[in-house]
Amino acid sequence: MLPYQDNFATTFDSYPEMLSYHETMSKETTWRRCKINEMRIEPLDTGSPLFSKPADFSEGISEEAVIDTAANLGLALRVGDDLYPIRSTAYKTLLDRAKIGGTALPKLKRKDLADVLNACLALYSSEALLLVRDEKVSAAHSGDMKDYSVLPMDELLHALEKNMETRFPGYQFESGYSDHAFTSGCWTFPAQKDDLLGTYSKMLASKGKRAMAAKLVPGIRFMTSDTGIASAKVSAMLMGTQHPIHIGGCISVDHRLQKKVSDFEKELDQLFAQFSDSVGRLQTLLEIELDYPVNAMTRICKKLSLPKKEALEAIAMFEMAYGSGRATAHDVFFALQEIPYLMKIHKMPEAKMLIVEENMARALYLKWHEYDLAKAVNY
């Protein structure tokens, strides 16, 4: 895959590689302000006049980018003398600027969709903030100074690195990922295992889970997006299992209200305390005994809107292991971790997996006995 393609994604095996990628991307990114009513949408499917006129597009936009857009969103944006293909990541923000929505819109022919958007965009004289990257418009945010705030990914990474060097010496980079919608990276803190997991590990060992305690390592996941799908956030993770376990959000800074990278830096000061709080919530699950753990797991999967196919597989595996016997909420929480692992095997999109993992972490805040009922439940 090449960067101009809508389905482009890349992974990083080292932090310098990830940082260099985002530093280069920041230099090559353009943020452009314009009036919403100055934006004009044009169809860019294979039957539109623009499709056969790649030279009409702004400098630096290749014929390949035009062809890729026709195969995806099928729209272009004209503002002033410039004409850009529109990436699929910009669709939601474009609807937001037009103040419209609905499931029927994507079903329209591209010319009809363009006409609807243009009729609505013409009504608003406020500003839009366009993100132009890799030959396409990737987002059309609100241009109000009190609304969308640009938080460059490379600057956020520098701030995170600085905090880890001070608070978590010996930290290790695990993996990184980036596509046109968001970027993420994982680090582990092996030197802080006793500080962060000491009491929890001892409780696991006392419950006969010494092997599990030995392999778990504390870590974090950093995630951010400049296309409107996520704030700049750091989540608590447990590594060492077949798939990282999300145990709760630690800090989060929205791209709003004139927020700056310095606000993200300040929030990072709470990282250790928030991580410890997440571990504490996980630890309490060891003390919650469930009489009907399979039923509880099924109800929780429904409550958290977890993907049905993978959830049913995970529930079946848990039932084979525990039968009709009792189990703890901790046992069920770890059984839930099969779901993102199965999603990975089934090659589900990374973005969807991250959303599911965040939803699963909400299980730490549930009143488990409300789901521990004798009556079976269908998913």
Protein backbone atom coordinates (compact mmCIF):
# COMPACT_ATOMS: atom_id res chain seq x y z
CA MET A 1 0.00 0.00 0.00
CA LEU A 2 1.08 3.55 -0.73
CA PRO A 3 0.30 6.63 1.42
CA TYR A 4 -2.17 8.18 -1.02
CA GLN A 5 -4.39 5.09 -0.80
CA ASP A 6 -7.38 5.30 1.55
CA ASN A 7 -6.61 1.89 3.07
CA PHE A 8 -2.94 2.68 3.71
CA ALA A 9 -1.57 1.42 7.04
CA THR A 10 1.90 0.87 8.39
CA THR A 11 3.51 -0.64 11.48
CA PHE A 12 6.70 0.26 13.35
CA ASP A 13 9.19 -2.07 14.98
CA SER A 14 11.15 0.70 16.68
CA TYR A 15 10.38 4.04 18.28
CA PRO A 16 12.91 6.03 16.17
CA GLU A 17 11.20 4.67 13.07
CA MET A 18 7.77 5.72 14.37
CA LEU A 19 8.94 9.17 15.46
CA SER A 20 10.73 9.82 12.15
CA TYR A 21 7.59 8.85 10.23
CA HIS A 22 5.45 11.34 12.16
CA GLU A 23 8.04 14.10 12.01
CA THR A 24 8.09 13.77 8.23
CA MET A 25 4.31 13.61 8.10
CA SER A 26 3.98 16.81 10.17
CA LYS A 27 6.30 18.66 7.78
CA GLU A 28 4.31 17.50 4.76
CA THR A 29 0.88 18.21 6.26
CA THR A 30 -1.07 21.34 5.35
CA TRP A 31 -3.73 22.88 7.59
CA ARG A 32 -5.89 25.29 5.59
CA ARG A 33 -8.66 27.59 6.79
CA CYS A 34 -11.54 28.59 4.55
CA LYS A 35 -15.18 29.62 4.77
CA ILE A 36 -17.58 26.69 4.78
CA ASN A 37 -19.71 28.31 2.08
CA GLU A 38 -16.60 28.61 -0.11
CA MET A 39 -16.21 24.83 -0.19
CA ARG A 40 -17.66 23.09 -3.22
CA ILE A 41 -18.00 19.32 -3.49
CA GLU A 42 -17.72 17.63 -6.88
CA PRO A 43 -18.34 14.00 -7.85
CA LEU A 44 -15.24 11.93 -8.48
CA ASP A 45 -16.54 8.50 -9.41
CA THR A 46 -15.43 6.75 -12.59
CA GLY A 47 -18.32 8.31 -14.54
CA SER A 48 -17.66 11.91 -13.53
CA PRO A 49 -15.87 14.42 -15.81
CA LEU A 50 -13.15 14.96 -13.21
CA PHE A 51 -12.08 11.33 -13.34
CA SER A 52 -10.58 11.79 -16.80
CA LYS A 53 -8.98 15.15 -15.92
CA PRO A 54 -6.27 14.48 -13.31
CA ALA A 55 -4.44 17.61 -14.50
CA ASP A 56 -7.27 19.73 -13.05
CA PHE A 57 -6.22 18.82 -9.52
CA SER A 58 -3.80 20.84 -7.43
CA GLU A 59 -0.06 20.48 -7.83
CA GLY A 60 1.37 17.31 -6.39
CA ILE A 61 -1.80 15.22 -6.72
CA SER A 62 -1.19 12.13 -8.81
CA GLU A 63 -3.47 10.33 -11.21
CA GLU A 64 -3.18 7.30 -8.89
CA ALA A 65 -4.66 9.31 -6.00
CA VAL A 66 -7.58 10.33 -8.20
CA ILE A 67 -8.21 6.73 -9.23
CA ASP A 68 -8.04 5.55 -5.62
CA THR A 69 -10.55 8.21 -4.53
CA ALA A 70 -12.96 7.13 -7.29
CA ALA A 71 -12.79 3.60 -5.88
CA ASN A 72 -13.56 4.84 -2.36
CA LEU A 73 -15.47 8.00 -1.33
CA GLY A 74 -15.80 9.29 -4.89
CA LEU A 75 -15.82 13.00 -4.03
CA ALA A 76 -13.50 15.98 -4.55
CA LEU A 77 -13.31 19.36 -2.84
CA ARG A 78 -12.78 22.64 -4.65
CA VAL A 79 -11.79 25.65 -2.57
CA GLY A 80 -10.47 28.78 -4.24
CA ASP A 81 -8.19 27.74 -7.09
CA ASP A 82 -7.41 24.36 -5.55
CA LEU A 83 -9.04 21.01 -6.16
CA TYR A 84 -8.37 18.02 -3.90
CA PRO A 85 -9.60 14.41 -3.79
CA ILE A 86 -11.41 13.67 -0.51
CA ARG A 87 -10.28 10.74 1.63
CA SER A 88 -12.92 8.57 3.27
CA THR A 89 -11.68 9.71 6.71
CA ALA A 90 -13.04 13.20 5.91
CA TYR A 91 -16.61 12.06 5.26
CA LYS A 92 -17.96 12.43 8.81
CA THR A 93 -16.35 15.83 9.37
CA LEU A 94 -17.69 16.96 6.00
CA LEU A 95 -21.21 16.01 7.09
CA ASP A 96 -20.61 17.86 10.33
CA ARG A 97 -19.72 21.05 8.47
CA ALA A 98 -22.88 20.67 6.37
CA LYS A 99 -24.86 19.83 9.54
CA ILE A 100 -26.51 16.80 7.96
CA GLY A 101 -26.43 13.04 8.50
CA GLY A 102 -28.26 9.80 7.88
CA THR A 103 -27.80 6.31 6.48
CA ALA A 104 -29.37 7.22 3.12
CA LEU A 105 -26.63 9.68 2.15
CA PRO A 106 -23.89 7.12 1.33
CA LYS A 107 -26.36 5.31 -0.94
CA LEU A 108 -26.83 8.34 -3.19
CA LYS A 109 -25.08 8.64 -6.53
CA ARG A 110 -21.98 10.73 -6.10
CA LYS A 111 -23.41 13.65 -8.10
CA ASP A 112 -26.56 13.66 -5.97
CA LEU A 113 -24.51 13.46 -2.76
CA ALA A 114 -22.34 16.34 -3.95
CA ASP A 115 -25.45 18.43 -4.72
CA VAL A 116 -26.91 17.78 -1.26
CA LEU A 117 -23.64 18.70 0.44
CA ASN A 118 -23.22 21.87 -1.62
CA ALA A 119 -26.77 23.03 -0.87
CA CYS A 120 -26.11 22.65 2.86
CA LEU A 121 -22.54 23.99 2.93
CA ALA A 122 -23.71 27.16 1.20
CA LEU A 123 -25.81 28.01 4.27
CA TYR A 124 -22.86 28.54 6.62
CA SER A 125 -20.30 31.36 6.64
CA SER A 126 -18.25 30.08 9.60
CA GLU A 127 -14.76 28.70 9.06
CA ALA A 128 -13.56 25.19 8.32
CA LEU A 129 -10.09 23.83 9.03
CA LEU A 130 -8.98 21.45 6.29
CA LEU A 131 -6.36 18.77 6.84
CA VAL A 132 -4.56 18.08 3.55
CA ARG A 133 -2.19 15.12 3.66
CA ASP A 134 -0.86 12.52 1.25
CA GLU A 135 -2.57 14.12 -1.77
CA LYS A 136 -6.07 14.28 -0.27
CA VAL A 137 -8.28 16.16 2.16
CA SER A 138 -8.29 13.91 5.22
CA ALA A 139 -10.61 15.97 7.44
CA ALA A 140 -12.76 19.10 7.41
CA HIS A 141 -12.88 20.27 11.02
CA SER A 142 -14.60 23.30 12.46
CA GLY A 143 -12.34 26.31 12.03
CA ASP A 144 -13.50 28.06 15.18
CA MET A 145 -10.44 28.85 17.31
CA LYS A 146 -12.30 27.50 20.36
CA ASP A 147 -13.20 24.28 18.63
CA TYR A 148 -10.67 22.02 16.91
CA SER A 149 -7.11 22.21 18.25
CA VAL A 150 -4.19 20.84 16.27
CA LEU A 151 -1.98 18.58 18.41
CA PRO A 152 0.87 17.41 16.15
CA MET A 153 1.53 13.70 16.59
CA ASP A 154 5.31 14.05 16.65
CA GLU A 155 5.12 16.67 19.41
CA LEU A 156 2.84 14.44 21.47
CA LEU A 157 5.30 11.58 21.04
CA HIS A 158 8.17 13.79 22.21
CA ALA A 159 6.16 14.79 25.31
CA LEU A 160 5.37 11.15 26.11
CA GLU A 161 8.99 10.11 25.60
CA LYS A 162 10.19 12.84 27.97
CA ASN A 163 7.74 11.75 30.67
CA MET A 164 8.68 8.07 30.38
CA GLU A 165 12.38 8.87 30.59
CA THR A 166 11.74 10.67 33.89
CA ARG A 167 9.09 8.46 35.49
CA PHE A 168 9.59 5.05 33.88
CA PRO A 169 13.32 4.56 33.22
CA GLY A 170 14.01 1.34 31.37
CA TYR A 171 10.79 1.58 29.38
CA GLN A 172 10.69 -0.50 26.19
CA PHE A 173 8.95 0.16 22.88
CA GLU A 174 6.71 -2.73 21.87
CA SER A 175 4.97 -1.77 18.64
CA GLY A 176 3.46 1.09 16.66
CA TYR A 177 0.71 1.47 14.11
CA SER A 178 -0.55 4.27 11.89
CA ASP A 179 -3.15 4.73 9.19
CA HIS A 180 -5.05 7.75 7.87
CA ALA A 181 -7.50 7.72 10.78
CA PHE A 182 -5.26 7.38 13.84
CA THR A 183 -1.88 6.35 15.21
CA SER A 184 -1.00 4.24 18.24
CA GLY A 185 2.03 2.92 20.06
CA CYS A 186 2.67 0.53 22.97
CA TRP A 187 5.42 0.59 25.59
CA THR A 188 6.19 -1.70 28.54
CA PHE A 189 7.62 -0.79 31.95
CA PRO A 190 9.46 -3.94 33.11
CA ALA A 191 11.51 -2.05 35.71
CA GLN A 192 8.31 -0.80 37.37
CA LYS A 193 6.56 -4.17 37.58
CA ASP A 194 6.85 -4.39 41.36
CA ASP A 195 5.73 -0.78 41.83
CA LEU A 196 2.69 -1.09 39.58
CA LEU A 197 1.71 -4.77 39.86
CA GLY A 198 3.29 -5.90 43.15
CA THR A 199 0.16 -6.30 45.29
CA TYR A 200 -1.91 -7.56 42.36
CA SER A 201 0.76 -10.17 41.49
CA LYS A 202 0.79 -11.43 45.09
CA MET A 203 -3.00 -11.79 45.07
CA LEU A 204 -2.84 -13.71 41.79
CA ALA A 205 -0.25 -16.05 43.26
CA SER A 206 -2.40 -16.60 46.37
CA LYS A 207 -5.29 -17.60 44.08
CA GLY A 208 -3.16 -20.23 42.33
CA LYS A 209 -2.36 -18.01 39.33
CA ARG A 210 1.37 -17.75 39.86
CA ALA A 211 2.16 -18.40 36.17
CA MET A 212 -0.12 -15.56 35.10
CA ALA A 213 1.45 -13.21 37.65
CA ALA A 214 4.92 -14.05 36.37
CA LYS A 215 4.25 -13.19 32.73
CA LEU A 216 2.24 -9.97 33.14
CA VAL A 217 4.16 -6.73 32.51
CA PRO A 218 2.73 -3.21 32.95
CA GLY A 219 2.57 -1.01 29.88
CA ILE A 220 0.69 1.75 28.13
CA ARG A 221 -0.91 2.43 24.80
CA PHE A 222 -0.73 5.92 23.33
CA MET A 223 -3.34 6.79 20.73
CA THR A 224 -4.27 9.95 18.89
CA SER A 225 -6.00 11.13 15.74
CA ASP A 226 -6.22 14.36 13.82
CA THR A 227 -9.18 13.25 11.72
CA GLY A 228 -11.72 13.53 14.52
CA ILE A 229 -12.08 9.96 15.78
CA ALA A 230 -10.09 10.12 19.03
CA SER A 231 -8.50 12.42 21.57
CA ALA A 232 -4.82 12.22 22.51
CA LYS A 233 -4.93 9.52 25.17
CA VAL A 234 -2.81 7.09 27.14
CA SER A 235 -4.35 3.85 28.42
CA ALA A 236 -3.14 1.34 30.99
CA MET A 237 -2.22 -2.03 29.51
CA LEU A 238 -1.03 -5.41 30.70
CA MET A 239 1.41 -7.09 28.35
CA GLY A 240 2.79 -10.60 28.28
CA THR A 241 -0.38 -12.42 27.21
CA GLN A 242 -1.31 -13.48 23.68
CA HIS A 243 -2.90 -10.05 23.19
CA PRO A 244 -2.42 -6.82 25.22
CA ILE A 245 -5.08 -6.29 27.89
CA HIS A 246 -6.64 -2.83 28.15
CA ILE A 247 -7.43 -2.12 31.81
CA GLY A 248 -8.60 1.47 31.60
CA GLY A 249 -7.94 4.97 30.38
CA CYS A 250 -5.31 7.00 32.23
CA ILE A 251 -5.26 10.41 30.61
CA SER A 252 -7.04 12.07 27.70
CA VAL A 253 -6.81 15.50 26.06
CA ASP A 254 -9.43 16.43 23.48
CA HIS A 255 -8.59 18.32 20.30
CA ARG A 256 -10.79 21.18 21.48
CA LEU A 257 -10.98 24.45 23.38
CA GLN A 258 -7.51 25.68 22.37
CA LYS A 259 -5.77 22.71 23.97
CA LYS A 260 -2.02 22.52 23.43
CA VAL A 261 0.66 19.84 23.67
CA SER A 262 1.61 21.41 27.02
CA ASP A 263 -1.82 20.36 28.34
CA PHE A 264 -1.01 16.79 27.34
CA GLU A 265 2.33 17.08 29.16
CA LYS A 266 0.58 18.22 32.36
CA GLU A 267 -1.87 15.34 32.21
CA LEU A 268 1.01 12.88 31.89
CA ASP A 269 1.99 13.76 35.47
CA GLN A 270 -1.06 11.72 36.57
CA LEU A 271 -0.06 8.63 34.59
CA PHE A 272 1.41 6.59 37.46
CA ALA A 273 -1.50 7.30 39.81
CA GLN A 274 -4.13 6.56 37.17
CA PHE A 275 -2.37 3.32 36.20
CA SER A 276 -2.36 2.21 39.83
CA ASP A 277 -6.08 2.98 40.07
CA SER A 278 -6.79 0.78 37.03
CA VAL A 279 -4.79 -2.09 38.53
CA GLY A 280 -6.71 -1.65 41.78
CA ARG A 281 -10.03 -2.05 39.97
CA LEU A 282 -8.75 -5.18 38.25
CA GLN A 283 -7.57 -6.53 41.59
CA THR A 284 -11.05 -6.22 43.13
CA LEU A 285 -12.39 -8.62 40.49
CA LEU A 286 -10.43 -11.41 42.20
CA GLU A 287 -12.75 -11.08 45.19
CA ILE A 288 -16.03 -11.18 43.26
CA GLU A 289 -17.39 -14.74 43.13
CA LEU A 290 -19.93 -15.53 40.41
CA ASP A 291 -22.44 -18.38 40.65
CA TYR A 292 -23.32 -18.26 36.95
CA PRO A 293 -20.17 -16.97 35.24
CA VAL A 294 -21.17 -18.04 31.71
CA ASN A 295 -24.46 -16.17 31.98
CA ALA A 296 -22.65 -13.19 33.46
CA MET A 297 -20.13 -13.17 30.63
CA THR A 298 -22.90 -13.34 28.02
CA ARG A 299 -24.82 -10.46 29.59
CA ILE A 300 -21.68 -8.36 29.86
CA CYS A 301 -20.81 -8.98 26.21
CA LYS A 302 -24.25 -7.69 25.28
CA LYS A 303 -23.97 -4.75 27.66
CA LEU A 304 -20.65 -3.68 26.16
CA SER A 305 -21.81 -4.26 22.56
CA LEU A 306 -18.92 -6.62 21.83
CA PRO A 307 -18.82 -8.25 18.35
CA LYS A 308 -21.24 -11.16 18.37
CA LYS A 309 -19.24 -13.72 16.39
CA GLU A 310 -16.07 -13.40 18.43
CA ALA A 311 -17.98 -13.02 21.70
CA LEU A 312 -19.85 -16.28 21.16
CA GLU A 313 -16.58 -18.06 20.41
CA ALA A 314 -15.01 -16.67 23.58
CA ILE A 315 -18.07 -17.61 25.67
CA ALA A 316 -17.97 -21.16 24.28
CA MET A 317 -14.28 -21.51 25.17
CA PHE A 318 -14.93 -20.20 28.68
CA GLU A 319 -17.85 -22.62 29.15
CA MET A 320 -15.66 -25.55 28.07
CA ALA A 321 -13.05 -24.54 30.65
CA TYR A 322 -15.39 -23.84 33.59
CA GLY A 323 -18.53 -25.82 32.78
CA SER A 324 -21.31 -24.97 35.23
CA GLY A 325 -18.91 -24.27 38.09
CA ARG A 326 -18.28 -21.00 39.86
CA ALA A 327 -15.66 -18.48 38.81
CA THR A 328 -14.54 -15.00 39.70
CA ALA A 329 -15.22 -11.79 37.82
CA HIS A 330 -11.47 -11.74 37.18
CA ASP A 331 -11.75 -15.11 35.39
CA VAL A 332 -14.50 -13.74 33.19
CA PHE A 333 -12.61 -10.50 32.48
CA PHE A 334 -9.61 -12.49 31.27
CA ALA A 335 -11.89 -14.75 29.23
CA LEU A 336 -13.18 -11.61 27.49
CA GLN A 337 -9.64 -10.97 26.26
CA GLU A 338 -10.08 -13.78 23.76
CA ILE A 339 -12.38 -11.46 21.78
CA PRO A 340 -9.77 -8.98 20.46
CA TYR A 341 -7.39 -11.90 19.90
CA LEU A 342 -10.04 -13.61 17.75
CA MET A 343 -10.70 -10.33 15.94
CA LYS A 344 -7.00 -10.15 15.09
CA ILE A 345 -7.09 -13.71 13.76
CA HIS A 346 -10.14 -12.77 11.69
CA LYS A 347 -8.17 -9.77 10.34
CA MET A 348 -10.55 -7.13 11.64
CA PRO A 349 -9.48 -3.49 11.16
CA GLU A 350 -7.13 -2.15 13.81
CA ALA A 351 -9.43 0.78 14.58
CA LYS A 352 -12.34 -1.53 15.36
CA MET A 353 -10.17 -3.69 17.63
CA LEU A 354 -9.08 -0.66 19.65
CA ILE A 355 -12.69 0.45 20.15
CA VAL A 356 -13.63 -3.04 21.33
CA GLU A 357 -10.71 -3.11 23.77
CA GLU A 358 -11.77 0.24 25.23
CA ASN A 359 -15.34 -1.03 25.62
CA MET A 360 -14.11 -4.17 27.35
CA ALA A 361 -12.18 -2.09 29.88
CA ARG A 362 -15.53 -0.64 31.00
CA ALA A 363 -16.19 -4.05 32.56
CA LEU A 364 -13.96 -2.96 35.45
CA TYR A 365 -16.62 -0.43 36.44
CA LEU A 366 -19.68 -2.71 36.22
CA LYS A 367 -21.69 -4.07 39.14
CA TRP A 368 -20.96 -7.69 38.34
CA HIS A 369 -23.63 -9.24 40.56
CA GLU A 370 -26.30 -7.56 38.45
CA TYR A 371 -25.23 -9.83 35.59
CA ASP A 372 -24.77 -13.00 37.68
CA LEU A 373 -28.24 -14.44 37.17
CA ALA A 374 -29.44 -18.03 36.89
CA LYS A 375 -31.63 -17.29 33.88
CA ALA A 376 -29.76 -17.93 30.66
CA VAL A 377 -29.56 -15.15 28.08
CA ASN A 378 -29.35 -15.35 24.29
CA TYR A 379 -26.85 -13.18 22.48
